[in-house]
C-alpha atoms as a PDB file:
ATOM      1  CA  UNK A   1     159.215 135.320  75.668  1.00  0.00           C
ATOM      2  CA  UNK A   2     159.170 132.757  78.238  1.00  0.00           C
ATOM      3  CA  UNK A   3     162.633 130.728  78.522  1.00  0.00           C
ATOM      4  CA  UNK A   4     163.331 127.252  79.762  1.00  0.00           C
ATOM      5  CA  UNK A   5     166.694 125.916  80.496  1.00  0.00           C
ATOM      6  CA  UNK A   6     167.220 122.596  78.804  1.00  0.00           C
ATOM      7  CA  UNK A   7     170.850 121.741  79.159  1.00  0.00           C
ATOM      8  CA  UNK A   8     173.457 123.078  82.151  1.00  0.00           C
ATOM      9  CA  UNK A   9     177.024 123.608  81.990  1.00  0.00           C
ATOM     10  CA  UNK A  10     177.909 119.959  82.701  1.00  0.00           C
ATOM     11  CA  UNK A  11     175.201 118.520  80.538  1.00  0.00           C
ATOM     12  CA  UNK A  12     176.892 120.786  77.462  1.00  0.00           C
ATOM     13  CA  UNK A  13     180.279 119.483  78.529  1.00  0.00           C
ATOM     14  CA  UNK A  14     179.241 116.056  78.172  1.00  0.00           C
ATOM     15  CA  UNK A  15     177.645 116.430  75.159  1.00  0.00           C
ATOM     16  CA  UNK A  16     180.349 117.880  73.751  1.00  0.00           C
ATOM     17  CA  UNK A  17     182.874 114.979  74.945  1.00  0.00           C
ATOM     18  CA  UNK A  18     180.594 112.573  73.669  1.00  0.00           C
ATOM     19  CA  UNK A  19     181.188 114.079  70.206  1.00  0.00           C
ATOM     20  CA  UNK A  20     184.954 114.051  70.436  1.00  0.00           C
ATOM     21  CA  UNK A  21     184.688 110.217  71.422  1.00  0.00           C
ATOM     22  CA  UNK A  22     182.101 109.767  68.231  1.00  0.00           C
ATOM     23  CA  UNK A  23     184.843 111.553  66.206  1.00  0.00           C
ATOM     24  CA  UNK A  24     187.622 109.710  67.543  1.00  0.00           C
ATOM     25  CA  UNK A  25     185.799 106.022  66.624  1.00  0.00           C
ATOM     26  CA  UNK A  26     185.066 107.373  63.134  1.00  0.00           C
ATOM     27  CA  UNK A  27     188.386 108.707  62.302  1.00  0.00           C
ATOM     28  CA  UNK A  28     190.390 106.852  64.350  1.00  0.00           C
ATOM     29  CA  UNK A  29     192.683 105.850  60.979  1.00  0.00           C
ATOM     30  CA  UNK A  30     193.228 109.479  60.522  1.00  0.00           C
ATOM     31  CA  UNK A  31     196.741 110.962  61.292  1.00  0.00           C
ATOM     32  CA  UNK A  32     195.543 114.578  61.098  1.00  0.00           C
ATOM     33  CA  UNK A  33     192.224 115.949  61.687  1.00  0.00           C
ATOM     34  CA  UNK A  34     190.822 119.586  61.304  1.00  0.00           C
ATOM     35  CA  UNK A  35     188.394 120.998  63.166  1.00  0.00           C
ATOM     36  CA  UNK A  36     186.756 124.309  61.976  1.00  0.00           C
ATOM     37  CA  UNK A  37     184.294 126.265  63.828  1.00  0.00           C
ATOM     38  CA  UNK A  38     181.622 128.262  61.908  1.00  0.00           C
ATOM     39  CA  UNK A  39     181.687 132.019  63.461  1.00  0.00           C
ATOM     40  CA  UNK A  40     180.399 132.961  66.012  1.00  0.00           C
ATOM     41  CA  UNK A  41     179.289 130.190  68.890  1.00  0.00           C
ATOM     42  CA  UNK A  42     181.058 127.157  66.642  1.00  0.00           C
ATOM     43  CA  UNK A  43     184.593 128.286  67.295  1.00  0.00           C
ATOM     44  CA  UNK A  44     184.595 128.195  71.065  1.00  0.00           C
ATOM     45  CA  UNK A  45     183.210 124.648  70.584  1.00  0.00           C
ATOM     46  CA  UNK A  46     185.078 123.615  67.935  1.00  0.00           C
ATOM     47  CA  UNK A  47     188.357 124.160  70.375  1.00  0.00           C
ATOM     48  CA  UNK A  48     186.849 122.468  73.360  1.00  0.00           C
ATOM     49  CA  UNK A  49     186.231 119.487  70.905  1.00  0.00           C
ATOM     50  CA  UNK A  50     189.596 119.652  69.806  1.00  0.00           C
ATOM     51  CA  UNK A  51     191.091 119.876  73.405  1.00  0.00           C
ATOM     52  CA  UNK A  52     188.980 116.374  74.204  1.00  0.00           C
ATOM     53  CA  UNK A  53     190.306 114.540  70.964  1.00  0.00           C
ATOM     54  CA  UNK A  54     193.843 115.076  72.087  1.00  0.00           C
ATOM     55  CA  UNK A  55     193.154 114.286  75.754  1.00  0.00           C
ATOM     56  CA  UNK A  56     191.425 111.059  74.694  1.00  0.00           C
ATOM     57  CA  UNK A  57     193.767 109.939  71.820  1.00  0.00           C
ATOM     58  CA  UNK A  58     196.857 110.361  69.797  1.00  0.00           C
ATOM     59  CA  UNK A  59     195.033 111.966  66.497  1.00  0.00           C
ATOM     60  CA  UNK A  60     196.565 115.459  65.619  1.00  0.00           C
ATOM     61  CA  UNK A  61     193.936 118.304  66.146  1.00  0.00           C
ATOM     62  CA  UNK A  62     194.075 121.776  64.383  1.00  0.00           C
ATOM     63  CA  UNK A  63     191.491 124.472  64.920  1.00  0.00           C
ATOM     64  CA  UNK A  64     190.318 126.924  62.429  1.00  0.00           C
ATOM     65  CA  UNK A  65     187.563 129.738  62.202  1.00  0.00           C
ATOM     66  CA  UNK A  66     185.037 130.126  59.344  1.00  0.00           C
ATOM     67  CA  UNK A  67     183.173 133.403  58.493  1.00  0.00           C
ATOM     68  CA  UNK A  68     180.345 132.256  56.211  1.00  0.00           C
ATOM     69  CA  UNK A  69     178.583 135.866  55.623  1.00  0.00           C
ATOM     70  CA  UNK A  70     179.509 136.547  52.423  1.00  0.00           C
ATOM     71  CA  UNK A  71     178.163 133.027  51.305  1.00  0.00           C
ATOM     72  CA  UNK A  72     174.782 133.130  53.031  1.00  0.00           C
ATOM     73  CA  UNK A  73     172.042 132.833  50.587  1.00  0.00           C
ATOM     74  CA  UNK A  74     169.863 135.469  52.755  1.00  0.00           C
ATOM     75  CA  UNK A  75     171.979 138.534  52.538  1.00  0.00           C
ATOM     76  CA  UNK A  76     169.039 140.290  51.420  1.00  0.00           C
ATOM     77  CA  UNK A  77     166.976 139.356  54.326  1.00  0.00           C
ATOM     78  CA  UNK A  78     169.491 140.404  57.615  1.00  0.00           C
ATOM     79  CA  UNK A  79     171.534 143.424  57.971  1.00  0.00           C
ATOM     80  CA  UNK A  80     174.908 141.633  58.108  1.00  0.00           C
ATOM     81  CA  UNK A  81     177.071 144.579  58.968  1.00  0.00           C
ATOM     82  CA  UNK A  82     178.966 144.326  62.236  1.00  0.00           C
ATOM     83  CA  UNK A  83     178.435 140.152  62.176  1.00  0.00           C
ATOM     84  CA  UNK A  84     181.363 139.161  60.670  1.00  0.00           C
ATOM     85  CA  UNK A  85     184.031 137.548  61.646  1.00  0.00           C
ATOM     86  CA  UNK A  86     187.507 136.647  60.591  1.00  0.00           C
ATOM     87  CA  UNK A  87     187.929 133.745  59.003  1.00  0.00           C
ATOM     88  CA  UNK A  88     191.335 132.163  60.256  1.00  0.00           C
ATOM     89  CA  UNK A  89     192.341 128.542  58.748  1.00  0.00           C
ATOM     90  CA  UNK A  90     196.260 128.239  59.056  1.00  0.00           C
ATOM     91  CA  UNK A  91     196.689 124.759  57.773  1.00  0.00           C
ATOM     92  CA  UNK A  92     195.595 123.476  53.975  1.00  0.00           C
ATOM     93  CA  UNK A  93     192.249 121.620  53.985  1.00  0.00           C
ATOM     94  CA  UNK A  94     192.634 119.897  50.469  1.00  0.00           C
ATOM     95  CA  UNK A  95     192.462 116.246  50.685  1.00  0.00           C
ATOM     96  CA  UNK A  96     191.902 116.329  54.770  1.00  0.00           C
ATOM     97  CA  UNK A  97     188.992 115.426  56.904  1.00  0.00           C
ATOM     98  CA  UNK A  98     187.381 118.527  57.999  1.00  0.00           C
ATOM     99  CA  UNK A  99     184.989 118.188  60.689  1.00  0.00           C
ATOM    100  CA  UNK A 100     182.594 121.589  60.748  1.00  0.00           C
ATOM    101  CA  UNK A 101     181.476 122.678  64.034  1.00  0.00           C
ATOM    102  CA  UNK A 102     178.385 124.772  64.860  1.00  0.00           C
ATOM    103  CA  UNK A 103     176.249 125.743  67.985  1.00  0.00           C
ATOM    104  CA  UNK A 104     172.590 124.783  66.407  1.00  0.00           C
ATOM    105  CA  UNK A 105     171.555 123.327  63.035  1.00  0.00           C
ATOM    106  CA  UNK A 106     168.066 124.690  62.010  1.00  0.00           C
ATOM    107  CA  UNK A 107     167.150 124.767  58.073  1.00  0.00           C
ATOM    108  CA  UNK A 108     171.139 123.625  56.971  1.00  0.00           C
ATOM    109  CA  UNK A 109     171.415 126.967  55.257  1.00  0.00           C
ATOM    110  CA  UNK A 110     174.380 127.786  57.578  1.00  0.00           C
ATOM    111  CA  UNK A 111     176.031 124.746  57.113  1.00  0.00           C
ATOM    112  CA  UNK A 112     175.686 124.534  53.256  1.00  0.00           C
ATOM    113  CA  UNK A 113     177.278 128.283  53.220  1.00  0.00           C
ATOM    114  CA  UNK A 114     180.004 126.728  55.455  1.00  0.00           C
ATOM    115  CA  UNK A 115     180.649 124.005  52.970  1.00  0.00           C
ATOM    116  CA  UNK A 116     180.638 126.519  50.317  1.00  0.00           C
ATOM    117  CA  UNK A 117     183.037 128.627  52.138  1.00  0.00           C
ATOM    118  CA  UNK A 118     185.444 125.688  52.646  1.00  0.00           C
ATOM    119  CA  UNK A 119     185.290 124.377  49.202  1.00  0.00           C
ATOM    120  CA  UNK A 120     186.271 127.585  48.012  1.00  0.00           C
ATOM    121  CA  UNK A 121     189.547 127.576  49.843  1.00  0.00           C
ATOM    122  CA  UNK A 122     190.488 123.719  48.688  1.00  0.00           C
ATOM    123  CA  UNK A 123     188.838 120.462  48.496  1.00  0.00           C
ATOM    124  CA  UNK A 124     188.877 118.413  51.462  1.00  0.00           C
ATOM    125  CA  UNK A 125     188.593 114.594  50.828  1.00  0.00           C
ATOM    126  CA  UNK A 126     185.432 114.323  53.680  1.00  0.00           C
ATOM    127  CA  UNK A 127     183.621 117.206  55.116  1.00  0.00           C
ATOM    128  CA  UNK A 128     181.996 116.057  58.635  1.00  0.00           C
ATOM    129  CA  UNK A 129     179.515 117.894  60.778  1.00  0.00           C
ATOM    130  CA  UNK A 130     179.249 118.455  64.638  1.00  0.00           C
ATOM    131  CA  UNK A 131     176.513 120.046  66.173  1.00  0.00           C
ATOM    132  CA  UNK A 132     175.881 120.783  69.559  1.00  0.00           C
ATOM    133  CA  UNK A 133     172.122 121.099  68.990  1.00  0.00           C
ATOM    134  CA  UNK A 134     169.485 119.826  66.239  1.00  0.00           C
ATOM    135  CA  UNK A 135     166.538 121.400  66.497  1.00  0.00           C
ATOM    136  CA  UNK A 136     164.892 120.207  63.199  1.00  0.00           C
ATOM    137  CA  UNK A 137     162.831 121.820  60.505  1.00  0.00           C
ATOM    138  CA  UNK A 138     165.466 121.204  57.679  1.00  0.00           C
ATOM    139  CA  UNK A 139     164.848 123.033  54.397  1.00  0.00           C
ATOM    140  CA  UNK A 140     168.089 121.384  52.810  1.00  0.00           C
ATOM    141  CA  UNK A 141     169.296 117.702  53.174  1.00  0.00           C
ATOM    142  CA  UNK A 142     171.962 118.242  55.567  1.00  0.00           C
ATOM    143  CA  UNK A 143     172.515 116.525  59.057  1.00  0.00           C
ATOM    144  CA  UNK A 144     174.629 116.319  61.612  1.00  0.00           C
ATOM    145  CA  UNK A 145     177.431 113.537  61.677  1.00  0.00           C
ATOM    146  CA  UNK A 146     177.481 113.980  65.706  1.00  0.00           C
ATOM    147  CA  UNK A 147     174.945 115.610  67.222  1.00  0.00           C
ATOM    148  CA  UNK A 148     174.876 116.525  71.278  1.00  0.00           C
ATOM    149  CA  UNK A 149     171.231 116.752  71.784  1.00  0.00           C
ATOM    150  CA  UNK A 150     168.516 116.696  69.763  1.00  0.00           C
ATOM    151  CA  UNK A 151     165.793 119.040  70.802  1.00  0.00           C
ATOM    152  CA  UNK A 152     162.444 119.303  68.707  1.00  0.00           C
ATOM    153  CA  UNK A 153     160.954 122.742  68.471  1.00  0.00           C
ATOM    154  CA  UNK A 154     158.045 124.656  66.754  1.00  0.00           C
ATOM    155  CA  UNK A 155     158.963 127.416  64.485  1.00  0.00           C
ATOM    156  CA  UNK A 156     157.637 130.171  67.303  1.00  0.00           C
ATOM    157  CA  UNK A 157     160.538 129.007  69.507  1.00  0.00           C
ATOM    158  CA  UNK A 158     164.441 129.549  69.490  1.00  0.00           C
ATOM    159  CA  UNK A 159     167.421 127.675  70.964  1.00  0.00           C
ATOM    160  CA  UNK A 160     169.995 130.189  72.694  1.00  0.00           C
ATOM    161  CA  UNK A 161     173.483 128.492  73.343  1.00  0.00           C
ATOM    162  CA  UNK A 162     174.836 130.659  75.935  1.00  0.00           C
ATOM    163  CA  UNK A 163     178.936 129.959  75.972  1.00  0.00           C
ATOM    164  CA  UNK A 164     181.368 131.860  78.749  1.00  0.00           C
ATOM    165  CA  UNK A 165     182.957 133.627  76.039  1.00  0.00           C
ATOM    166  CA  UNK A 166     179.958 135.664  75.006  1.00  0.00           C
ATOM    167  CA  UNK A 167     177.124 135.244  77.645  1.00  0.00           C
ATOM    168  CA  UNK A 168     179.296 134.397  80.886  1.00  0.00           C
ATOM    169  CA  UNK A 169     177.526 131.227  81.512  1.00  0.00           C
ATOM    170  CA  UNK A 170     177.255 127.904  79.609  1.00  0.00           C
ATOM    171  CA  UNK A 171     173.669 126.429  79.244  1.00  0.00           C
ATOM    172  CA  UNK A 172     171.272 125.870  76.202  1.00  0.00           C
ATOM    173  CA  UNK A 173     167.622 127.361  76.608  1.00  0.00           C
ATOM    174  CA  UNK A 174     164.391 127.325  74.611  1.00  0.00           C
ATOM    175  CA  UNK A 175     162.675 130.634  74.162  1.00  0.00           C
ATOM    176  CA  UNK A 176     159.255 130.586  73.468  1.00  0.00           C
ATOM    177  CA  UNK A 177     158.215 133.925  71.371  1.00  0.00           C
ATOM    178  CA  UNK A 178     154.584 134.689  72.509  1.00  0.00           C
END
């Protein structure tokens, strides 16, 4: 394996702050805004974005956590035992603007599963998507509304988003599989 750091902590923070400003601009008329982080790493990213939104606007922001394991279309391929997180959305999403937050968008299948899980809980008036990294290679017609950084990759590469809550540091790396 060969690894290259493409974003260090301060650059990650800047990208998340920029996403927060874009969310504010697009949703400035919203009285309430709901961010839902996709387990695992979308959750702390959603919390950081929500804090920035609170800091720079008067928009009320609530944050939820979404486990999509049971909505995935690839359960037969991966062992997901132990991978489940807990869904905790302590607010009604019906007729609300919901911004899904994830660390990386790749094929689009995780986002599709997240939308299925959300819609099973209610009918938002709008679902938007915020991702820290868009690495390309979409298999479904899904794109991020708010993207921190586009990092084109090959299929033989992986993106590793490292966050203090899980990894003790904040950075983004490209890992080349040899």
